[in-house]
Amino acid sequence: MADTIITVQGEYELHQPAERGTVRLTVAYDGKSRDEVLARTTQRHVSLTSELRDIHNPQSGPVTWWASDQLRVWGERPWNQDGKQLPIVYHAQVGIEAKFSDLGALSDWVGVVSLLDGVTVSGVTWALTEARKQTLVQEARRRAVENAVAKATVYATSLGLGSVKPLALSDPGMLGDHTSSPQTQQPMFARAASNDHAGGTLALKPEDITIAVQVHARFAAS
């Protein structure tokens, strides 16, 4: 009796609380005087980066890394609703990013700087440490393969066949049968955050990071 070929997709998801948070913010001012706009932006930038230097430690944190963009200064002449060109307005802007290992310290720092004049907090990216991420990816891959074996076994027994024998295993789309959706890339890491305001205090609550792995497998059963 010829073998019956069974092709399945195995999948598994792991959920892990974030271990790192990278905040992005912008310091920006505008006005009629180029020198004044530049001075205010520079002063605020120096103040913020000085704070980050004081709490920066690559090993112990709470800030393990930070960076600053180059300061940009430019001018433009806006138009009013009547089509008249108005006097020149100058702008100055610089971006700052900082990665925190202490998420409580991150929440406290963002709560303070977000209230400062000229500062806009763009958002926070949540992540795992690289070592933890690799450990979880390996675990999710192993579980996805186990899921594929279990799924193929159910199909085989439902057909009255014996145990399955693996023939091929791959990442999605690599078995050559075009059974995967082209937009699927695994593993994937979903990051999200929500902000709560209680008593005037900003509290950042990162959602769990999802690590999802899919594999395609082909088995023979008889």
N, C-alpha and C. Protein backbone atom coordinates (compact mmCIF):
# COMPACT_ATOMS: atom_id res chain seq x y z
N MET A 1 0.85 -1.20 0.00
CA MET A 1 0.00 0.00 0.00
C MET A 1 0.88 1.24 0.00
N ALA A 2 0.58 2.16 -0.91
CA ALA A 2 1.37 3.39 -1.01
C ALA A 2 1.14 4.27 0.21
N ASP A 3 2.17 4.98 0.59
CA ASP A 3 2.05 5.91 1.72
C ASP A 3 1.10 7.06 1.38
N THR A 4 0.40 7.53 2.38
CA THR A 4 -0.41 8.75 2.26
C THR A 4 0.43 9.93 2.75
N ILE A 5 0.51 10.97 1.93
CA ILE A 5 1.31 12.14 2.30
C ILE A 5 0.42 13.15 3.02
N ILE A 6 0.88 13.58 4.17
CA ILE A 6 0.14 14.57 4.99
C ILE A 6 1.02 15.80 5.17
N THR A 7 0.51 16.94 4.76
CA THR A 7 1.24 18.21 4.93
C THR A 7 0.47 19.12 5.88
N VAL A 8 1.14 19.61 6.88
CA VAL A 8 0.46 20.42 7.91
C VAL A 8 1.29 21.66 8.24
N GLN A 9 0.64 22.56 8.93
CA GLN A 9 1.31 23.73 9.49
C GLN A 9 1.29 23.62 11.01
N GLY A 10 2.46 23.67 11.63
CA GLY A 10 2.55 23.69 13.08
C GLY A 10 2.76 25.11 13.56
N GLU A 11 2.21 25.44 14.70
CA GLU A 11 2.31 26.82 15.21
C GLU A 11 2.30 26.83 16.73
N TYR A 12 2.90 27.90 17.24
CA TYR A 12 2.93 28.06 18.70
C TYR A 12 3.20 29.52 19.04
N GLU A 13 2.60 29.99 20.13
CA GLU A 13 2.80 31.36 20.59
C GLU A 13 3.24 31.37 22.04
N LEU A 14 4.16 32.26 22.35
CA LEU A 14 4.58 32.52 23.73
C LEU A 14 4.34 33.99 24.03
N HIS A 15 3.98 34.28 25.27
CA HIS A 15 3.73 35.66 25.71
C HIS A 15 4.63 35.97 26.90
N GLN A 16 5.33 37.08 26.80
CA GLN A 16 6.32 37.43 27.82
C GLN A 16 6.24 38.92 28.13
N PRO A 17 6.21 39.29 29.42
CA PRO A 17 6.22 40.71 29.76
C PRO A 17 7.49 41.40 29.23
N ALA A 18 7.35 42.64 28.83
CA ALA A 18 8.49 43.40 28.31
C ALA A 18 9.56 43.57 29.39
N GLU A 19 10.81 43.57 28.97
CA GLU A 19 11.94 43.75 29.88
C GLU A 19 12.67 45.06 29.63
N ARG A 20 12.44 45.66 28.47
CA ARG A 20 13.08 46.93 28.12
C ARG A 20 12.06 47.85 27.48
N GLY A 21 12.27 49.13 27.64
CA GLY A 21 11.41 50.12 27.00
C GLY A 21 12.26 51.26 26.46
N THR A 22 12.09 51.59 25.18
CA THR A 22 12.84 52.67 24.55
C THR A 22 11.88 53.82 24.26
N VAL A 23 12.10 54.94 24.92
CA VAL A 23 11.23 56.10 24.74
C VAL A 23 11.82 57.03 23.68
N ARG A 24 10.95 57.57 22.84
CA ARG A 24 11.35 58.52 21.80
C ARG A 24 10.68 59.85 22.08
N LEU A 25 11.47 60.91 22.07
CA LEU A 25 10.89 62.23 22.30
C LEU A 25 11.57 63.26 21.40
N THR A 26 10.88 64.37 21.23
CA THR A 26 11.38 65.45 20.39
C THR A 26 11.36 66.75 21.19
N VAL A 27 12.44 67.50 21.09
CA VAL A 27 12.50 68.85 21.64
C VAL A 27 12.39 69.81 20.47
N ALA A 28 11.40 70.70 20.50
CA ALA A 28 11.19 71.61 19.37
C ALA A 28 10.59 72.93 19.84
N TYR A 29 11.09 74.01 19.27
CA TYR A 29 10.56 75.35 19.50
C TYR A 29 10.47 76.08 18.17
N ASP A 30 9.61 77.09 18.12
CA ASP A 30 9.56 77.96 16.95
C ASP A 30 9.29 79.39 17.39
N GLY A 31 9.63 80.33 16.53
CA GLY A 31 9.45 81.73 16.87
C GLY A 31 10.02 82.65 15.80
N LYS A 32 9.96 83.94 16.07
CA LYS A 32 10.40 84.93 15.09
C LYS A 32 11.90 85.15 15.12
N SER A 33 12.54 84.82 16.25
CA SER A 33 13.98 85.03 16.39
C SER A 33 14.72 83.71 16.28
N ARG A 34 15.62 83.63 15.31
CA ARG A 34 16.38 82.39 15.13
C ARG A 34 17.24 82.10 16.34
N ASP A 35 17.90 83.12 16.86
CA ASP A 35 18.79 82.92 18.01
C ASP A 35 18.03 82.45 19.24
N GLU A 36 16.85 83.02 19.45
CA GLU A 36 16.06 82.63 20.63
C GLU A 36 15.55 81.19 20.51
N VAL A 37 15.07 80.84 19.33
CA VAL A 37 14.58 79.48 19.11
C VAL A 37 15.71 78.47 19.30
N LEU A 38 16.87 78.78 18.75
CA LEU A 38 18.02 77.89 18.87
C LEU A 38 18.46 77.77 20.33
N ALA A 39 18.47 78.88 21.04
CA ALA A 39 18.91 78.87 22.44
C ALA A 39 17.96 78.06 23.32
N ARG A 40 16.65 78.20 23.12
CA ARG A 40 15.69 77.47 23.94
C ARG A 40 15.77 75.97 23.68
N THR A 41 15.91 75.60 22.41
CA THR A 41 16.00 74.19 22.08
C THR A 41 17.29 73.59 22.63
N THR A 42 18.38 74.31 22.48
CA THR A 42 19.66 73.83 22.98
C THR A 42 19.64 73.67 24.50
N GLN A 43 19.06 74.65 25.18
CA GLN A 43 19.00 74.60 26.64
C GLN A 43 18.19 73.38 27.12
N ARG A 44 17.04 73.16 26.50
CA ARG A 44 16.22 72.02 26.91
C ARG A 44 16.92 70.70 26.57
N HIS A 45 17.56 70.65 25.43
CA HIS A 45 18.28 69.44 25.03
C HIS A 45 19.42 69.13 25.99
N VAL A 46 20.18 70.13 26.37
CA VAL A 46 21.29 69.94 27.30
C VAL A 46 20.77 69.45 28.65
N SER A 47 19.65 70.00 29.10
CA SER A 47 19.08 69.60 30.39
C SER A 47 18.66 68.12 30.37
N LEU A 48 17.99 67.71 29.29
CA LEU A 48 17.52 66.32 29.21
C LEU A 48 18.67 65.34 29.07
N THR A 49 19.63 65.65 28.22
CA THR A 49 20.76 64.73 28.03
C THR A 49 21.64 64.66 29.28
N SER A 50 21.71 65.73 30.04
CA SER A 50 22.45 65.70 31.30
C SER A 50 21.78 64.74 32.28
N GLU A 51 20.44 64.77 32.33
CA GLU A 51 19.72 63.83 33.19
C GLU A 51 19.98 62.39 32.76
N LEU A 52 19.97 62.15 31.46
CA LEU A 52 20.19 60.80 30.96
C LEU A 52 21.61 60.32 31.28
N ARG A 53 22.59 61.20 31.16
CA ARG A 53 23.96 60.82 31.50
C ARG A 53 24.07 60.40 32.96
N ASP A 54 23.35 61.09 33.82
CA ASP A 54 23.42 60.81 35.26
C ASP A 54 22.86 59.43 35.61
N ILE A 55 21.88 58.95 34.83
CA ILE A 55 21.24 57.67 35.16
C ILE A 55 21.59 56.58 34.15
N HIS A 56 22.61 56.85 33.32
CA HIS A 56 23.01 55.88 32.31
C HIS A 56 24.07 54.93 32.84
N ASN A 57 23.79 53.63 32.74
CA ASN A 57 24.76 52.60 33.04
C ASN A 57 24.43 51.39 32.19
N PRO A 58 25.30 50.99 31.25
CA PRO A 58 24.97 49.92 30.32
C PRO A 58 24.64 48.59 31.00
N GLN A 59 25.19 48.36 32.20
CA GLN A 59 24.95 47.10 32.88
C GLN A 59 23.77 47.17 33.85
N SER A 60 23.77 48.14 34.73
CA SER A 60 22.78 48.19 35.81
C SER A 60 21.62 49.12 35.54
N GLY A 61 21.71 49.98 34.52
CA GLY A 61 20.62 50.90 34.23
C GLY A 61 20.49 51.99 35.29
N PRO A 62 19.35 52.65 35.41
CA PRO A 62 18.10 52.32 34.71
C PRO A 62 18.11 52.62 33.21
N VAL A 63 18.99 53.52 32.75
CA VAL A 63 19.14 53.76 31.32
C VAL A 63 20.36 52.97 30.84
N THR A 64 20.15 52.05 29.90
CA THR A 64 21.25 51.24 29.40
C THR A 64 21.83 51.77 28.10
N TRP A 65 21.11 52.67 27.45
CA TRP A 65 21.56 53.25 26.17
C TRP A 65 20.73 54.49 25.88
N TRP A 66 21.37 55.48 25.29
CA TRP A 66 20.61 56.64 24.82
C TRP A 66 21.35 57.27 23.64
N ALA A 67 20.62 58.02 22.84
CA ALA A 67 21.19 58.67 21.67
C ALA A 67 20.42 59.94 21.37
N SER A 68 21.08 60.85 20.65
CA SER A 68 20.46 62.12 20.30
C SER A 68 20.72 62.42 18.82
N ASP A 69 19.70 62.93 18.15
CA ASP A 69 19.86 63.35 16.76
C ASP A 69 20.65 64.66 16.70
N GLN A 70 21.05 65.02 15.48
CA GLN A 70 21.64 66.33 15.27
C GLN A 70 20.56 67.41 15.34
N LEU A 71 20.94 68.55 15.86
CA LEU A 71 20.02 69.67 15.97
C LEU A 71 19.74 70.26 14.59
N ARG A 72 18.46 70.43 14.26
CA ARG A 72 18.05 71.01 12.98
C ARG A 72 17.42 72.38 13.22
N VAL A 73 17.84 73.34 12.41
CA VAL A 73 17.29 74.70 12.49
C VAL A 73 16.93 75.15 11.08
N TRP A 74 15.73 75.66 10.90
CA TRP A 74 15.31 76.14 9.58
C TRP A 74 14.25 77.24 9.73
N GLY A 75 14.04 77.96 8.66
CA GLY A 75 13.05 79.03 8.65
C GLY A 75 12.12 78.89 7.47
N GLU A 76 10.92 79.41 7.62
CA GLU A 76 9.94 79.40 6.54
C GLU A 76 9.03 80.61 6.67
N ARG A 77 8.47 81.01 5.54
CA ARG A 77 7.53 82.13 5.54
C ARG A 77 6.14 81.58 5.24
N PRO A 78 5.30 81.48 6.26
CA PRO A 78 3.95 80.92 6.06
C PRO A 78 3.05 81.90 5.32
N TRP A 79 1.94 81.38 4.83
CA TRP A 79 0.92 82.18 4.15
C TRP A 79 -0.35 82.22 5.01
N ASN A 80 -1.02 83.37 5.02
CA ASN A 80 -2.29 83.43 5.74
C ASN A 80 -3.43 83.04 4.82
N GLN A 81 -4.65 83.06 5.34
CA GLN A 81 -5.80 82.61 4.58
C GLN A 81 -6.14 83.51 3.40
N ASP A 82 -5.58 84.73 3.40
CA ASP A 82 -5.82 85.67 2.29
C ASP A 82 -4.74 85.57 1.22
N GLY A 83 -3.81 84.62 1.38
CA GLY A 83 -2.77 84.46 0.39
C GLY A 83 -1.60 85.41 0.55
N LYS A 84 -1.50 86.04 1.72
CA LYS A 84 -0.40 86.95 1.97
C LYS A 84 0.71 86.21 2.71
N GLN A 85 1.94 86.41 2.24
CA GLN A 85 3.06 85.76 2.89
C GLN A 85 3.44 86.52 4.15
N LEU A 86 3.55 85.78 5.25
CA LEU A 86 3.81 86.37 6.56
C LEU A 86 5.30 86.40 6.83
N PRO A 87 5.71 87.12 7.88
CA PRO A 87 7.14 87.17 8.24
C PRO A 87 7.68 85.78 8.53
N ILE A 88 8.97 85.62 8.39
CA ILE A 88 9.62 84.32 8.54
C ILE A 88 9.48 83.79 9.98
N VAL A 89 9.25 82.50 10.06
CA VAL A 89 9.18 81.79 11.35
C VAL A 89 10.31 80.78 11.38
N TYR A 90 11.06 80.78 12.48
CA TYR A 90 12.19 79.87 12.62
C TYR A 90 11.80 78.66 13.48
N HIS A 91 12.37 77.51 13.14
CA HIS A 91 12.11 76.27 13.87
C HIS A 91 13.44 75.63 14.25
N ALA A 92 13.45 75.01 15.42
CA ALA A 92 14.60 74.22 15.86
C ALA A 92 14.07 72.93 16.46
N GLN A 93 14.73 71.82 16.14
CA GLN A 93 14.23 70.52 16.58
C GLN A 93 15.37 69.53 16.76
N VAL A 94 15.24 68.69 17.76
CA VAL A 94 16.22 67.62 17.99
C VAL A 94 15.50 66.44 18.65
N GLY A 95 15.86 65.23 18.24
CA GLY A 95 15.24 64.04 18.80
C GLY A 95 16.16 63.33 19.79
N ILE A 96 15.55 62.64 20.75
CA ILE A 96 16.28 61.90 21.77
C ILE A 96 15.61 60.54 21.95
N GLU A 97 16.42 59.49 22.11
CA GLU A 97 15.93 58.16 22.43
C GLU A 97 16.69 57.64 23.64
N ALA A 98 15.98 56.92 24.49
CA ALA A 98 16.63 56.34 25.68
C ALA A 98 16.00 54.99 25.99
N LYS A 99 16.86 53.98 26.22
CA LYS A 99 16.38 52.63 26.56
C LYS A 99 16.52 52.42 28.06
N PHE A 100 15.41 52.01 28.68
CA PHE A 100 15.38 51.77 30.12
C PHE A 100 15.27 50.28 30.41
N SER A 101 16.05 49.82 31.39
CA SER A 101 15.90 48.46 31.89
C SER A 101 14.95 48.41 33.08
N ASP A 102 14.74 49.54 33.72
CA ASP A 102 13.81 49.66 34.84
C ASP A 102 12.55 50.35 34.30
N LEU A 103 11.48 49.59 34.12
CA LEU A 103 10.28 50.15 33.50
C LEU A 103 9.55 51.11 34.43
N GLY A 104 9.73 50.95 35.73
CA GLY A 104 9.16 51.91 36.66
C GLY A 104 9.85 53.26 36.54
N ALA A 105 11.19 53.24 36.41
CA ALA A 105 11.94 54.48 36.21
C ALA A 105 11.58 55.12 34.88
N LEU A 106 11.34 54.31 33.87
CA LEU A 106 10.90 54.83 32.58
C LEU A 106 9.59 55.58 32.71
N SER A 107 8.63 54.97 33.39
CA SER A 107 7.33 55.60 33.58
C SER A 107 7.46 56.93 34.32
N ASP A 108 8.27 56.93 35.37
CA ASP A 108 8.46 58.16 36.16
C ASP A 108 9.11 59.25 35.32
N TRP A 109 10.14 58.89 34.56
CA TRP A 109 10.87 59.88 33.76
C TRP A 109 9.99 60.47 32.68
N VAL A 110 9.25 59.61 31.99
CA VAL A 110 8.35 60.10 30.94
C VAL A 110 7.26 60.98 31.53
N GLY A 111 6.76 60.61 32.71
CA GLY A 111 5.74 61.42 33.35
C GLY A 111 6.20 62.83 33.65
N VAL A 112 7.50 62.98 33.94
CA VAL A 112 8.06 64.31 34.24
C VAL A 112 8.36 65.09 32.96
N VAL A 113 9.09 64.47 32.03
CA VAL A 113 9.53 65.20 30.84
C VAL A 113 8.38 65.53 29.90
N SER A 114 7.31 64.71 29.92
CA SER A 114 6.18 64.97 29.03
C SER A 114 5.45 66.26 29.38
N LEU A 115 5.66 66.77 30.59
CA LEU A 115 5.02 68.01 31.01
C LEU A 115 5.88 69.24 30.72
N LEU A 116 7.10 69.03 30.25
CA LEU A 116 8.00 70.15 30.01
C LEU A 116 7.65 70.87 28.71
N ASP A 117 7.78 72.18 28.74
CA ASP A 117 7.55 72.99 27.55
C ASP A 117 8.55 72.61 26.46
N GLY A 118 8.05 72.43 25.23
CA GLY A 118 8.90 72.13 24.11
C GLY A 118 9.20 70.67 23.90
N VAL A 119 8.69 69.79 24.78
CA VAL A 119 8.98 68.36 24.69
C VAL A 119 7.73 67.62 24.24
N THR A 120 7.90 66.77 23.23
CA THR A 120 6.82 65.88 22.77
C THR A 120 7.31 64.44 22.84
N VAL A 121 6.60 63.61 23.59
CA VAL A 121 6.94 62.19 23.68
C VAL A 121 6.24 61.48 22.53
N SER A 122 7.03 60.88 21.64
CA SER A 122 6.47 60.22 20.45
C SER A 122 5.92 58.84 20.75
N GLY A 123 6.51 58.16 21.71
CA GLY A 123 6.04 56.82 22.05
C GLY A 123 7.12 55.99 22.72
N VAL A 124 6.75 54.76 23.06
CA VAL A 124 7.66 53.83 23.71
C VAL A 124 7.61 52.50 22.96
N THR A 125 8.78 51.95 22.66
CA THR A 125 8.88 50.62 22.05
C THR A 125 9.31 49.63 23.12
N TRP A 126 8.49 48.59 23.30
CA TRP A 126 8.78 47.59 24.32
C TRP A 126 9.51 46.41 23.70
N ALA A 127 10.41 45.80 24.46
CA ALA A 127 11.23 44.72 23.92
C ALA A 127 11.70 43.80 25.04
N LEU A 128 12.26 42.67 24.62
CA LEU A 128 12.94 41.74 25.52
C LEU A 128 14.44 41.92 25.38
N THR A 129 15.20 41.42 26.35
CA THR A 129 16.64 41.35 26.14
C THR A 129 16.92 40.35 25.03
N GLU A 130 18.04 40.51 24.35
CA GLU A 130 18.35 39.64 23.23
C GLU A 130 18.47 38.18 23.68
N ALA A 131 19.08 37.97 24.83
CA ALA A 131 19.25 36.60 25.33
C ALA A 131 17.90 35.94 25.62
N ARG A 132 17.02 36.68 26.27
CA ARG A 132 15.70 36.14 26.58
C ARG A 132 14.89 35.89 25.31
N LYS A 133 15.01 36.80 24.35
CA LYS A 133 14.28 36.64 23.09
C LYS A 133 14.71 35.37 22.37
N GLN A 134 16.02 35.13 22.29
CA GLN A 134 16.51 33.94 21.60
C GLN A 134 16.07 32.66 22.29
N THR A 135 16.07 32.67 23.62
CA THR A 135 15.60 31.50 24.37
C THR A 135 14.14 31.19 24.07
N LEU A 136 13.31 32.23 24.04
CA LEU A 136 11.89 32.03 23.79
C LEU A 136 11.62 31.62 22.35
N VAL A 137 12.39 32.17 21.41
CA VAL A 137 12.23 31.78 20.00
C VAL A 137 12.54 30.30 19.83
N GLN A 138 13.60 29.84 20.45
CA GLN A 138 13.96 28.43 20.34
C GLN A 138 12.86 27.54 20.94
N GLU A 139 12.32 27.95 22.08
CA GLU A 139 11.24 27.19 22.70
C GLU A 139 10.00 27.16 21.81
N ALA A 140 9.65 28.32 21.23
CA ALA A 140 8.47 28.39 20.36
C ALA A 140 8.65 27.53 19.11
N ARG A 141 9.85 27.50 18.56
CA ARG A 141 10.11 26.66 17.39
C ARG A 141 9.95 25.19 17.73
N ARG A 142 10.48 24.79 18.88
CA ARG A 142 10.35 23.38 19.29
C ARG A 142 8.88 23.02 19.47
N ARG A 143 8.12 23.89 20.11
CA ARG A 143 6.70 23.62 20.34
C ARG A 143 5.92 23.61 19.03
N ALA A 144 6.31 24.45 18.07
CA ALA A 144 5.62 24.47 16.78
C ALA A 144 5.82 23.15 16.03
N VAL A 145 7.03 22.58 16.13
CA VAL A 145 7.28 21.28 15.51
C VAL A 145 6.45 20.19 16.20
N GLU A 146 6.39 20.24 17.52
CA GLU A 146 5.56 19.27 18.25
C GLU A 146 4.10 19.39 17.83
N ASN A 147 3.64 20.62 17.61
CA ASN A 147 2.26 20.84 17.18
C ASN A 147 2.02 20.25 15.80
N ALA A 148 3.01 20.38 14.91
CA ALA A 148 2.88 19.80 13.57
C ALA A 148 2.79 18.29 13.64
N VAL A 149 3.63 17.66 14.47
CA VAL A 149 3.60 16.20 14.61
C VAL A 149 2.24 15.75 15.16
N ALA A 150 1.76 16.45 16.18
CA ALA A 150 0.47 16.08 16.79
C ALA A 150 -0.66 16.22 15.78
N LYS A 151 -0.64 17.29 15.00
CA LYS A 151 -1.69 17.52 14.01
C LYS A 151 -1.67 16.44 12.94
N ALA A 152 -0.47 16.11 12.44
CA ALA A 152 -0.36 15.07 11.41
C ALA A 152 -0.79 13.71 11.96
N THR A 153 -0.49 13.44 13.21
CA THR A 153 -0.88 12.18 13.82
C THR A 153 -2.39 12.04 13.91
N VAL A 154 -3.07 13.12 14.26
CA VAL A 154 -4.53 13.10 14.31
C VAL A 154 -5.12 12.83 12.94
N TYR A 155 -4.56 13.49 11.92
CA TYR A 155 -5.04 13.26 10.56
C TYR A 155 -4.84 11.80 10.16
N ALA A 156 -3.68 11.24 10.49
CA ALA A 156 -3.38 9.87 10.11
C ALA A 156 -4.33 8.89 10.81
N THR A 157 -4.51 9.02 12.10
CA THR A 157 -5.40 8.11 12.82
C THR A 157 -6.85 8.26 12.37
N SER A 158 -7.23 9.48 11.97
CA SER A 158 -8.59 9.68 11.47
C SER A 158 -8.82 8.93 10.17
N LEU A 159 -7.74 8.68 9.44
CA LEU A 159 -7.82 7.92 8.18
C LEU A 159 -7.58 6.44 8.39
N GLY A 160 -7.39 6.04 9.64
CA GLY A 160 -7.14 4.64 9.93
C GLY A 160 -5.73 4.21 9.61
N LEU A 161 -4.80 5.17 9.59
CA LEU A 161 -3.40 4.88 9.26
C LEU A 161 -2.57 4.76 10.53
N GLY A 162 -1.36 4.27 10.35
CA GLY A 162 -0.46 4.11 11.48
C GLY A 162 0.30 5.39 11.80
N SER A 163 1.43 5.25 12.48
CA SER A 163 2.22 6.40 12.89
C SER A 163 2.79 7.14 11.67
N VAL A 164 3.05 8.41 11.88
CA VAL A 164 3.55 9.23 10.78
C VAL A 164 5.08 9.24 10.77
N LYS A 165 5.63 9.39 9.60
CA LYS A 165 7.08 9.45 9.41
C LYS A 165 7.41 10.79 8.76
N PRO A 166 8.28 11.60 9.38
CA PRO A 166 8.58 12.91 8.82
C PRO A 166 9.35 12.80 7.51
N LEU A 167 8.93 13.63 6.54
CA LEU A 167 9.61 13.70 5.26
C LEU A 167 10.31 15.03 5.03
N ALA A 168 9.70 16.11 5.51
CA ALA A 168 10.28 17.45 5.30
C ALA A 168 9.74 18.39 6.36
N LEU A 169 10.58 19.34 6.73
CA LEU A 169 10.21 20.37 7.69
C LEU A 169 10.85 21.68 7.24
N SER A 170 10.09 22.77 7.29
CA SER A 170 10.63 24.04 6.80
C SER A 170 9.93 25.21 7.45
N ASP A 171 10.53 26.39 7.27
CA ASP A 171 9.83 27.62 7.56
C ASP A 171 8.70 27.77 6.55
N PRO A 172 7.68 28.60 6.85
CA PRO A 172 6.55 28.76 5.94
C PRO A 172 6.99 29.14 4.52
N GLY A 173 6.42 28.44 3.52
CA GLY A 173 6.65 28.78 2.13
C GLY A 173 7.85 28.12 1.49
N MET A 174 8.56 27.25 2.22
CA MET A 174 9.79 26.67 1.67
C MET A 174 9.65 25.21 1.26
N LEU A 175 8.43 24.66 1.35
CA LEU A 175 8.22 23.29 0.89
C LEU A 175 7.92 23.23 -0.61
N GLY A 176 7.74 24.40 -1.24
CA GLY A 176 7.53 24.42 -2.67
C GLY A 176 6.12 24.16 -3.11
N ASP A 177 5.15 24.15 -2.16
CA ASP A 177 3.78 23.88 -2.56
C ASP A 177 2.90 25.12 -2.50
N HIS A 178 3.51 26.28 -2.16
CA HIS A 178 2.80 27.56 -2.16
C HIS A 178 1.58 27.53 -1.24
N THR A 179 1.75 26.86 -0.10
CA THR A 179 0.61 26.77 0.81
C THR A 179 0.60 27.86 1.86
N SER A 180 1.66 28.67 1.92
CA SER A 180 1.72 29.69 2.96
C SER A 180 1.31 31.03 2.43
N SER A 181 0.83 31.87 3.32
CA SER A 181 0.49 33.24 2.93
C SER A 181 1.77 34.04 2.85
N PRO A 182 1.99 34.83 1.79
CA PRO A 182 3.28 35.49 1.58
C PRO A 182 3.60 36.53 2.63
N GLN A 183 2.58 37.04 3.34
CA GLN A 183 2.88 38.08 4.31
C GLN A 183 3.33 37.53 5.64
N THR A 184 3.31 36.21 5.83
CA THR A 184 3.66 35.62 7.11
C THR A 184 5.17 35.47 7.23
N GLN A 185 5.75 36.07 8.24
CA GLN A 185 7.18 35.94 8.51
C GLN A 185 7.32 35.61 9.99
N GLN A 186 7.98 34.52 10.30
CA GLN A 186 8.09 34.06 11.67
C GLN A 186 9.55 33.89 12.04
N PRO A 187 9.91 34.05 13.31
CA PRO A 187 9.02 34.46 14.38
C PRO A 187 8.68 35.94 14.31
N MET A 188 7.56 36.33 14.89
CA MET A 188 7.20 37.75 14.89
C MET A 188 7.03 38.22 16.32
N PHE A 189 7.26 39.50 16.52
CA PHE A 189 7.24 40.07 17.86
C PHE A 189 6.27 41.25 17.86
N ALA A 190 5.19 41.11 18.59
CA ALA A 190 4.20 42.18 18.64
C ALA A 190 4.42 43.01 19.88
N ARG A 191 4.48 44.32 19.71
CA ARG A 191 4.71 45.22 20.83
C ARG A 191 3.59 46.25 20.88
N ALA A 192 3.14 46.54 22.09
CA ALA A 192 2.10 47.55 22.22
C ALA A 192 2.19 48.14 23.61
N ALA A 193 1.57 49.30 23.80
CA ALA A 193 1.58 49.94 25.11
C ALA A 193 0.31 50.75 25.28
N SER A 194 -0.09 50.92 26.53
CA SER A 194 -1.24 51.77 26.83
C SER A 194 -0.84 52.70 27.96
N ASN A 195 -1.42 53.89 27.95
CA ASN A 195 -1.10 54.89 28.96
C ASN A 195 -2.32 55.12 29.83
N ASP A 196 -2.14 55.06 31.14
CA ASP A 196 -3.20 55.37 32.08
C ASP A 196 -2.81 56.61 32.87
N HIS A 197 -3.81 57.43 33.16
CA HIS A 197 -3.56 58.62 33.96
C HIS A 197 -4.38 58.49 35.24
N ALA A 198 -3.70 58.46 36.38
CA ALA A 198 -4.39 58.35 37.66
C ALA A 198 -3.81 59.39 38.60
N GLY A 199 -4.67 60.29 39.06
CA GLY A 199 -4.21 61.32 39.97
C GLY A 199 -3.16 62.21 39.37
N GLY A 200 -3.15 62.38 38.06
CA GLY A 200 -2.19 63.25 37.40
C GLY A 200 -0.86 62.60 37.14
N THR A 201 -0.70 61.32 37.48
CA THR A 201 0.56 60.62 37.28
C THR A 201 0.47 59.71 36.06
N LEU A 202 1.46 59.80 35.20
CA LEU A 202 1.48 58.96 34.01
C LEU A 202 1.98 57.57 34.37
N ALA A 203 1.20 56.54 34.03
CA ALA A 203 1.60 55.15 34.28
C ALA A 203 1.63 54.41 32.95
N LEU A 204 2.80 53.94 32.58
CA LEU A 204 2.94 53.18 31.34
C LEU A 204 2.76 51.71 31.65
N LYS A 205 1.88 51.05 30.91
CA LYS A 205 1.61 49.63 31.13
C LYS A 205 1.86 48.87 29.83
N PRO A 206 3.05 48.30 29.69
CA PRO A 206 3.33 47.55 28.46
C PRO A 206 2.54 46.25 28.39
N GLU A 207 1.98 45.96 27.22
CA GLU A 207 1.36 44.66 27.01
C GLU A 207 2.45 43.61 26.82
N ASP A 208 2.07 42.36 27.01
CA ASP A 208 3.03 41.28 26.80
C ASP A 208 3.50 41.26 25.35
N ILE A 209 4.75 40.88 25.16
CA ILE A 209 5.30 40.69 23.82
C ILE A 209 4.96 39.28 23.38
N THR A 210 4.42 39.15 22.17
CA THR A 210 4.03 37.86 21.63
C THR A 210 5.09 37.36 20.65
N ILE A 211 5.54 36.16 20.88
CA ILE A 211 6.47 35.50 19.96
C ILE A 211 5.70 34.35 19.32
N ALA A 212 5.43 34.46 18.02
CA ALA A 212 4.64 33.45 17.30
C ALA A 212 5.49 32.80 16.22
N VAL A 213 5.51 31.48 16.21
CA VAL A 213 6.32 30.73 15.25
C VAL A 213 5.41 29.77 14.47
N GLN A 214 5.64 29.67 13.17
CA GLN A 214 4.96 28.70 12.33
C GLN A 214 5.98 27.88 11.57
N VAL A 215 5.68 26.60 11.36
CA VAL A 215 6.52 25.73 10.54
C VAL A 215 5.60 24.93 9.62
N HIS A 216 6.12 24.53 8.47
CA HIS A 216 5.41 23.63 7.56
C HIS A 216 6.13 22.29 7.59
N ALA A 217 5.34 21.20 7.62
CA ALA A 217 5.91 19.86 7.73
C ALA A 217 5.16 18.91 6.82
N ARG A 218 5.89 17.93 6.31
CA ARG A 218 5.30 16.90 5.46
C ARG A 218 5.63 15.52 6.04
N PHE A 219 4.60 14.68 6.13
CA PHE A 219 4.74 13.36 6.73
C PHE A 219 4.20 12.29 5.78
N ALA A 220 4.65 11.08 6.00
CA ALA A 220 4.11 9.92 5.30
C ALA A 220 3.48 8.98 6.31
N ALA A 221 2.32 8.43 5.96
CA ALA A 221 1.64 7.48 6.86
C ALA A 221 1.06 6.37 6.00
N SER A 222 1.02 5.16 6.56
CA SER A 222 0.47 4.03 5.81
C SER A 222 -0.29 3.11 6.75
